[in-house]
Amino acid sequence: MAKVIHVHLLQQIDGVKRRDWYFSSLSAVFTVFTPEQVGVTKNYLLHAGLSGGGVIINKRAVIRQSTLIGRSRGVSG
């Protein structure tokens, strides 16, 4: 299973219409957004304990890490 980082924007960012964004890593979040836009730094997120189902909520965004559930090939069901 792969992890997925969900960023839900609480404030409008100029030129960005989407509120929900999904990333494959914490580092990937900062290829799209600046720390100012999401309200936290990459270093903060790396040490925040998101892997245990934690959630970061601030005035700019809600950031959580979840598991992407998929089906293995060759498994019927």
PDB file of N, CA and C in Angstrom:
ATOM      1  N   MET A   1       0.839  -1.180   0.000  1.00  0.00           N
ATOM      2  CA  MET A   1       0.000   0.000   0.000  1.00  0.00           C
ATOM      3  C   MET A   1       0.887   1.247   0.000  1.00  0.00           C
ATOM      4  N   ALA A   2       0.442   2.232  -0.697  1.00  0.00           N
ATOM      5  CA  ALA A   2       1.198   3.482  -0.823  1.00  0.00           C
ATOM      6  C   ALA A   2       0.579   4.550   0.074  1.00  0.00           C
ATOM      7  N   LYS A   3       1.410   5.492   0.476  1.00  0.00           N
ATOM      8  CA  LYS A   3       0.877   6.595   1.271  1.00  0.00           C
ATOM      9  C   LYS A   3       0.411   7.702   0.346  1.00  0.00           C
ATOM     10  N   VAL A   4      -0.514   8.495   0.838  1.00  0.00           N
ATOM     11  CA  VAL A   4      -1.015   9.646   0.099  1.00  0.00           C
ATOM     12  C   VAL A   4      -1.132  10.802   1.091  1.00  0.00           C
ATOM     13  N   ILE A   5      -0.670  11.966   0.669  1.00  0.00           N
ATOM     14  CA  ILE A   5      -0.764  13.173   1.481  1.00  0.00           C
ATOM     15  C   ILE A   5      -1.899  14.016   0.916  1.00  0.00           C
ATOM     16  N   HIS A   6      -2.893  14.298   1.755  1.00  0.00           N
ATOM     17  CA  HIS A   6      -4.048  15.096   1.339  1.00  0.00           C
ATOM     18  C   HIS A   6      -3.891  16.491   1.925  1.00  0.00           C
ATOM     19  N   VAL A   7      -3.917  17.491   1.062  1.00  0.00           N
ATOM     20  CA  VAL A   7      -3.859  18.888   1.480  1.00  0.00           C
ATOM     21  C   VAL A   7      -5.188  19.523   1.094  1.00  0.00           C
ATOM     22  N   HIS A   8      -5.919  19.971   2.108  1.00  0.00           N
ATOM     23  CA  HIS A   8      -7.185  20.674   1.882  1.00  0.00           C
ATOM     24  C   HIS A   8      -6.956  22.142   2.213  1.00  0.00           C
ATOM     25  N   LEU A   9      -7.042  22.999   1.211  1.00  0.00           N
ATOM     26  CA  LEU A   9      -6.802  24.429   1.405  1.00  0.00           C
ATOM     27  C   LEU A   9      -8.022  25.091   2.035  1.00  0.00           C
ATOM     28  N   LEU A  10      -7.790  25.842   3.095  1.00  0.00           N
ATOM     29  CA  LEU A  10      -8.860  26.563   3.771  1.00  0.00           C
ATOM     30  C   LEU A  10      -8.974  27.998   3.288  1.00  0.00           C
ATOM     31  N   GLN A  11      -7.911  28.502   2.667  1.00  0.00           N
ATOM     32  CA  GLN A  11      -7.901  29.860   2.134  1.00  0.00           C
ATOM     33  C   GLN A  11      -7.626  29.820   0.639  1.00  0.00           C
ATOM     34  N   GLN A  12      -8.215  30.754  -0.057  1.00  0.00           N
ATOM     35  CA  GLN A  12      -8.000  30.866  -1.506  1.00  0.00           C
ATOM     36  C   GLN A  12      -6.570  31.308  -1.786  1.00  0.00           C
ATOM     37  N   ILE A  13      -5.916  30.656  -2.721  1.00  0.00           N
ATOM     38  CA  ILE A  13      -4.595  31.055  -3.189  1.00  0.00           C
ATOM     39  C   ILE A  13      -4.781  31.580  -4.600  1.00  0.00           C
ATOM     40  N   ASP A  14      -4.202  32.732  -4.891  1.00  0.00           N
ATOM     41  CA  ASP A  14      -4.352  33.356  -6.206  1.00  0.00           C
ATOM     42  C   ASP A  14      -4.043  32.372  -7.327  1.00  0.00           C
ATOM     43  N   GLY A  15      -4.964  32.249  -8.254  1.00  0.00           N
ATOM     44  CA  GLY A  15      -4.768  31.402  -9.415  1.00  0.00           C
ATOM     45  C   GLY A  15      -5.041  29.927  -9.180  1.00  0.00           C
ATOM     46  N   VAL A  16      -5.416  29.548  -7.958  1.00  0.00           N
ATOM     47  CA  VAL A  16      -5.670  28.136  -7.637  1.00  0.00           C
ATOM     48  C   VAL A  16      -7.145  27.978  -7.315  1.00  0.00           C
ATOM     49  N   LYS A  17      -7.833  27.174  -8.110  1.00  0.00           N
ATOM     50  CA  LYS A  17      -9.258  26.969  -7.893  1.00  0.00           C
ATOM     51  C   LYS A  17      -9.547  25.730  -7.053  1.00  0.00           C
ATOM     52  N   ARG A  18      -8.674  24.725  -7.166  1.00  0.00           N
ATOM     53  CA  ARG A  18      -8.883  23.483  -6.410  1.00  0.00           C
ATOM     54  C   ARG A  18      -8.624  23.693  -4.929  1.00  0.00           C
ATOM     55  N   ARG A  19      -9.399  23.020  -4.089  1.00  0.00           N
ATOM     56  CA  ARG A  19      -9.185  23.070  -2.652  1.00  0.00           C
ATOM     57  C   ARG A  19      -8.515  21.798  -2.151  1.00  0.00           C
ATOM     58  N   ASP A  20      -8.705  20.695  -2.835  1.00  0.00           N
ATOM     59  CA  ASP A  20      -8.141  19.417  -2.397  1.00  0.00           C
ATOM     60  C   ASP A  20      -7.046  18.963  -3.354  1.00  0.00           C
ATOM     61  N   TRP A  21      -5.891  18.656  -2.770  1.00  0.00           N
ATOM     62  CA  TRP A  21      -4.731  18.222  -3.521  1.00  0.00           C
ATOM     63  C   TRP A  21      -4.205  16.937  -2.899  1.00  0.00           C
ATOM     64  N   TYR A  22      -3.692  16.027  -3.721  1.00  0.00           N
ATOM     65  CA  TYR A  22      -3.180  14.740  -3.245  1.00  0.00           C
ATOM     66  C   TYR A  22      -1.760  14.557  -3.761  1.00  0.00           C
ATOM     67  N   PHE A  23      -0.870  14.151  -2.862  1.00  0.00           N
ATOM     68  CA  PHE A  23       0.546  14.016  -3.186  1.00  0.00           C
ATOM     69  C   PHE A  23       1.061  12.659  -2.731  1.00  0.00           C
ATOM     70  N   SER A  24       2.140  12.210  -3.368  1.00  0.00           N
ATOM     71  CA  SER A  24       2.736  10.919  -3.022  1.00  0.00           C
ATOM     72  C   SER A  24       3.770  11.033  -1.907  1.00  0.00           C
ATOM     73  N   SER A  25       4.153  12.261  -1.551  1.00  0.00           N
ATOM     74  CA  SER A  25       5.130  12.456  -0.480  1.00  0.00           C
ATOM     75  C   SER A  25       4.996  13.862   0.092  1.00  0.00           C
ATOM     76  N   LEU A  26       5.562  14.040   1.272  1.00  0.00           N
ATOM     77  CA  LEU A  26       5.564  15.373   1.877  1.00  0.00           C
ATOM     78  C   LEU A  26       6.394  16.342   1.049  1.00  0.00           C
ATOM     79  N   SER A  27       7.492  15.855   0.502  1.00  0.00           N
ATOM     80  CA  SER A  27       8.337  16.709  -0.334  1.00  0.00           C
ATOM     81  C   SER A  27       7.594  17.203  -1.561  1.00  0.00           C
ATOM     82  N   ALA A  28       6.725  16.372  -2.119  1.00  0.00           N
ATOM     83  CA  ALA A  28       5.975  16.744  -3.319  1.00  0.00           C
ATOM     84  C   ALA A  28       5.035  17.920  -3.061  1.00  0.00           C
ATOM     85  N   VAL A  29       4.541  18.041  -1.830  1.00  0.00           N
ATOM     86  CA  VAL A  29       3.662  19.167  -1.485  1.00  0.00           C
ATOM     87  C   VAL A  29       4.353  20.486  -1.808  1.00  0.00           C
ATOM     88  N   PHE A  30       5.665  20.534  -1.531  1.00  0.00           N
ATOM     89  CA  PHE A  30       6.396  21.788  -1.682  1.00  0.00           C
ATOM     90  C   PHE A  30       6.948  22.005  -3.092  1.00  0.00           C
ATOM     91  N   THR A  31       6.593  21.115  -4.014  1.00  0.00           N
ATOM     92  CA  THR A  31       6.861  21.385  -5.428  1.00  0.00           C
ATOM     93  C   THR A  31       5.720  22.203  -6.029  1.00  0.00           C
ATOM     94  N   VAL A  32       4.579  22.221  -5.327  1.00  0.00           N
ATOM     95  CA  VAL A  32       3.403  22.966  -5.791  1.00  0.00           C
ATOM     96  C   VAL A  32       3.157  24.207  -4.931  1.00  0.00           C
ATOM     97  N   PHE A  33       3.315  24.056  -3.619  1.00  0.00           N
ATOM     98  CA  PHE A  33       3.013  25.131  -2.682  1.00  0.00           C
ATOM     99  C   PHE A  33       4.259  25.596  -1.936  1.00  0.00           C
ATOM    100  N   THR A  34       4.225  26.830  -1.494  1.00  0.00           N
ATOM    101  CA  THR A  34       5.280  27.346  -0.617  1.00  0.00           C
ATOM    102  C   THR A  34       4.850  27.093   0.827  1.00  0.00           C
ATOM    103  N   PRO A  35       5.799  27.121   1.760  1.00  0.00           N
ATOM    104  CA  PRO A  35       5.426  26.983   3.178  1.00  0.00           C
ATOM    105  C   PRO A  35       4.415  28.051   3.622  1.00  0.00           C
ATOM    106  N   GLU A  36       4.512  29.227   3.083  1.00  0.00           N
ATOM    107  CA  GLU A  36       3.569  30.293   3.433  1.00  0.00           C
ATOM    108  C   GLU A  36       2.151  29.960   2.973  1.00  0.00           C
ATOM    109  N   GLN A  37       2.027  29.299   1.833  1.00  0.00           N
ATOM    110  CA  GLN A  37       0.697  28.975   1.305  1.00  0.00           C
ATOM    111  C   GLN A  37      -0.002  27.894   2.115  1.00  0.00           C
ATOM    112  N   VAL A  38       0.735  26.934   2.660  1.00  0.00           N
ATOM    113  CA  VAL A  38       0.115  25.855   3.441  1.00  0.00           C
ATOM    114  C   VAL A  38       0.269  26.048   4.946  1.00  0.00           C
ATOM    115  N   GLY A  39       1.030  27.044   5.356  1.00  0.00           N
ATOM    116  CA  GLY A  39       1.121  27.380   6.765  1.00  0.00           C
ATOM    117  C   GLY A  39       2.107  26.570   7.587  1.00  0.00           C
ATOM    118  N   VAL A  40       2.901  25.710   6.965  1.00  0.00           N
ATOM    119  CA  VAL A  40       3.913  24.922   7.668  1.00  0.00           C
ATOM    120  C   VAL A  40       5.105  24.695   6.745  1.00  0.00           C
ATOM    121  N   THR A  41       6.236  24.348   7.348  1.00  0.00           N
ATOM    122  CA  THR A  41       7.427  24.040   6.565  1.00  0.00           C
ATOM    123  C   THR A  41       7.522  22.537   6.326  1.00  0.00           C
ATOM    124  N   LYS A  42       8.326  22.179   5.369  1.00  0.00           N
ATOM    125  CA  LYS A  42       8.570  20.764   5.084  1.00  0.00           C
ATOM    126  C   LYS A  42       9.169  20.078   6.313  1.00  0.00           C
ATOM    127  N   ASN A  43      10.103  20.721   6.962  1.00  0.00           N
ATOM    128  CA  ASN A  43      10.744  20.143   8.143  1.00  0.00           C
ATOM    129  C   ASN A  43       9.718  19.882   9.252  1.00  0.00           C
ATOM    130  N   TYR A  44       8.804  20.812   9.447  1.00  0.00           N
ATOM    131  CA  TYR A  44       7.758  20.628  10.457  1.00  0.00           C
ATOM    132  C   TYR A  44       6.914  19.389  10.139  1.00  0.00           C
ATOM    133  N   LEU A  45       6.493  19.258   8.879  1.00  0.00           N
ATOM    134  CA  LEU A  45       5.669  18.111   8.495  1.00  0.00           C
ATOM    135  C   LEU A  45       6.413  16.794   8.644  1.00  0.00           C
ATOM    136  N   LEU A  46       7.707  16.803   8.331  1.00  0.00           N
ATOM    137  CA  LEU A  46       8.492  15.577   8.447  1.00  0.00           C
ATOM    138  C   LEU A  46       8.568  15.081   9.891  1.00  0.00           C
ATOM    139  N   HIS A  47       8.454  15.979  10.855  1.00  0.00           N
ATOM    140  CA  HIS A  47       8.558  15.607  12.263  1.00  0.00           C
ATOM    141  C   HIS A  47       7.225  15.654  13.008  1.00  0.00           C
ATOM    142  N   ALA A  48       6.130  15.862  12.298  1.00  0.00           N
ATOM    143  CA  ALA A  48       4.826  16.056  12.931  1.00  0.00           C
ATOM    144  C   ALA A  48       4.104  14.754  13.278  1.00  0.00           C
ATOM    145  N   GLY A  49       4.594  13.621  12.824  1.00  0.00           N
ATOM    146  CA  GLY A  49       3.940  12.355  13.139  1.00  0.00           C
ATOM    147  C   GLY A  49       2.705  12.067  12.313  1.00  0.00           C
ATOM    148  N   LEU A  50       2.709  12.471  11.069  1.00  0.00           N
ATOM    149  CA  LEU A  50       1.554  12.220  10.208  1.00  0.00           C
ATOM    150  C   LEU A  50       1.374  10.751   9.878  1.00  0.00           C
ATOM    151  N   SER A  51       2.440   9.973   9.916  1.00  0.00           N
ATOM    152  CA  SER A  51       2.352   8.569   9.498  1.00  0.00           C
ATOM    153  C   SER A  51       1.451   7.738  10.405  1.00  0.00           C
ATOM    154  N   GLY A  52       1.247   8.163  11.630  1.00  0.00           N
ATOM    155  CA  GLY A  52       0.375   7.437  12.551  1.00  0.00           C
ATOM    156  C   GLY A  52      -1.069   7.877  12.476  1.00  0.00           C
ATOM    157  N   GLY A  53      -1.457   8.493  11.384  1.00  0.00           N
ATOM    158  CA  GLY A  53      -2.828   8.960  11.226  1.00  0.00           C
ATOM    159  C   GLY A  53      -3.040  10.372  11.754  1.00  0.00           C
ATOM    160  N   GLY A  54      -1.958  11.083  12.017  1.00  0.00           N
ATOM    161  CA  GLY A  54      -2.063  12.440  12.528  1.00  0.00           C
ATOM    162  C   GLY A  54      -2.568  13.416  11.480  1.00  0.00           C
ATOM    163  N   VAL A  55      -3.056  14.531  11.971  1.00  0.00           N
ATOM    164  CA  VAL A  55      -3.589  15.578  11.103  1.00  0.00           C
ATOM    165  C   VAL A  55      -3.016  16.913  11.571  1.00  0.00           C
ATOM    166  N   ILE A  56      -2.604  17.740  10.639  1.00  0.00           N
ATOM    167  CA  ILE A  56      -2.149  19.091  10.930  1.00  0.00           C
ATOM    168  C   ILE A  56      -3.236  20.043  10.441  1.00  0.00           C
ATOM    169  N   ILE A  57      -3.717  20.882  11.339  1.00  0.00           N
ATOM    170  CA  ILE A  57      -4.741  21.866  10.986  1.00  0.00           C
ATOM    171  C   ILE A  57      -4.223  23.236  11.386  1.00  0.00           C
ATOM    172  N   ASN A  58      -4.246  24.154  10.443  1.00  0.00           N
ATOM    173  CA  ASN A  58      -3.897  25.535  10.737  1.00  0.00           C
ATOM    174  C   ASN A  58      -4.848  26.436   9.964  1.00  0.00           C
ATOM    175  N   LYS A  59      -4.628  27.729   9.985  1.00  0.00           N
ATOM    176  CA  LYS A  59      -5.570  28.649   9.345  1.00  0.00           C
ATOM    177  C   LYS A  59      -5.528  28.604   7.821  1.00  0.00           C
ATOM    178  N   ARG A  60      -4.520  27.935   7.256  1.00  0.00           N
ATOM    179  CA  ARG A  60      -4.385  27.885   5.798  1.00  0.00           C
ATOM    180  C   ARG A  60      -4.767  26.540   5.185  1.00  0.00           C
ATOM    181  N   ALA A  61      -4.536  25.444   5.926  1.00  0.00           N
ATOM    182  CA  ALA A  61      -4.754  24.121   5.329  1.00  0.00           C
ATOM    183  C   ALA A  61      -4.962  23.038   6.385  1.00  0.00           C
ATOM    184  N   VAL A  62      -5.553  21.946   5.929  1.00  0.00           N
ATOM    185  CA  VAL A  62      -5.628  20.708   6.703  1.00  0.00           C
ATOM    186  C   VAL A  62      -4.775  19.708   5.938  1.00  0.00           C
ATOM    187  N   ILE A  63      -3.791  19.134   6.618  1.00  0.00           N
ATOM    188  CA  ILE A  63      -2.861  18.210   5.968  1.00  0.00           C
ATOM    189  C   ILE A  63      -2.888  16.891   6.717  1.00  0.00           C
ATOM    190  N   ARG A  64      -3.117  15.802   5.982  1.00  0.00           N
ATOM    191  CA  ARG A  64      -3.149  14.485   6.611  1.00  0.00           C
ATOM    192  C   ARG A  64      -2.493  13.463   5.696  1.00  0.00           C
ATOM    193  N   GLN A  65      -1.985  12.423   6.304  1.00  0.00           N
ATOM    194  CA  GLN A  65      -1.393  11.317   5.542  1.00  0.00           C
ATOM    195  C   GLN A  65      -2.268  10.095   5.732  1.00  0.00           C
ATOM    196  N   SER A  66      -2.597   9.431   4.637  1.00  0.00           N
ATOM    197  CA  SER A  66      -3.411   8.227   4.661  1.00  0.00           C
ATOM    198  C   SER A  66      -2.747   7.157   3.818  1.00  0.00           C
ATOM    199  N   THR A  67      -3.358   6.000   3.818  1.00  0.00           N
ATOM    200  CA  THR A  67      -2.875   4.890   3.009  1.00  0.00           C
ATOM    201  C   THR A  67      -3.789   4.713   1.811  1.00  0.00           C
ATOM    202  N   LEU A  68      -3.190   4.629   0.648  1.00  0.00           N
ATOM    203  CA  LEU A  68      -3.933   4.388  -0.579  1.00  0.00           C
ATOM    204  C   LEU A  68      -4.127   2.888  -0.699  1.00  0.00           C
ATOM    205  N   ILE A  69      -5.357   2.454  -0.718  1.00  0.00           N
ATOM    206  CA  ILE A  69      -5.662   1.021  -0.755  1.00  0.00           C
ATOM    207  C   ILE A  69      -5.865   0.592  -2.191  1.00  0.00           C
ATOM    208  N   GLY A  70      -5.156  -0.437  -2.566  1.00  0.00           N
ATOM    209  CA  GLY A  70      -5.274  -0.965  -3.917  1.00  0.00           C
ATOM    210  C   GLY A  70      -5.431  -2.476  -3.878  1.00  0.00           C
ATOM    211  N   ARG A  71      -5.686  -3.034  -5.014  1.00  0.00           N
ATOM    212  CA  ARG A  71      -5.848  -4.473  -5.106  1.00  0.00           C
ATOM    213  C   ARG A  71      -4.648  -5.026  -5.834  1.00  0.00           C
ATOM    214  N   SER A  72      -4.072  -6.078  -5.293  1.00  0.00           N
ATOM    215  CA  SER A  72      -2.924  -6.713  -5.922  1.00  0.00           C
ATOM    216  C   SER A  72      -3.355  -7.429  -7.188  1.00  0.00           C
ATOM    217  N   ARG A  73      -2.496  -7.466  -8.162  1.00  0.00           N
ATOM    218  CA  ARG A  73      -2.794  -8.195  -9.391  1.00  0.00           C
ATOM    219  C   ARG A  73      -2.868  -9.681  -9.092  1.00  0.00           C
ATOM    220  N   GLY A  74      -3.750 -10.346  -9.758  1.00  0.00           N
ATOM    221  CA  GLY A  74      -3.876 -11.791  -9.593  1.00  0.00           C
ATOM    222  C   GLY A  74      -4.785 -12.178  -8.431  1.00  0.00           C
ATOM    223  N   VAL A  75      -5.299 -11.199  -7.719  1.00  0.00           N
ATOM    224  CA  VAL A  75      -6.207 -11.486  -6.618  1.00  0.00           C
ATOM    225  C   VAL A  75      -7.625 -11.271  -7.121  1.00  0.00           C
ATOM    226  N   SER A  76      -8.446 -12.281  -7.001  1.00  0.00           N
ATOM    227  CA  SER A  76      -9.814 -12.146  -7.473  1.00  0.00           C
ATOM    228  C   SER A  76     -10.692 -11.654  -6.314  1.00  0.00           C
ATOM    229  N   GLY A  77     -11.790 -11.024  -6.702  1.00  0.00           N
ATOM    230  CA  GLY A  77     -12.672 -10.564  -5.632  1.00  0.00           C
ATOM    231  C   GLY A  77     -13.601  -9.532  -6.006  1.00  0.00           C
TER     232      GLY A  77
END
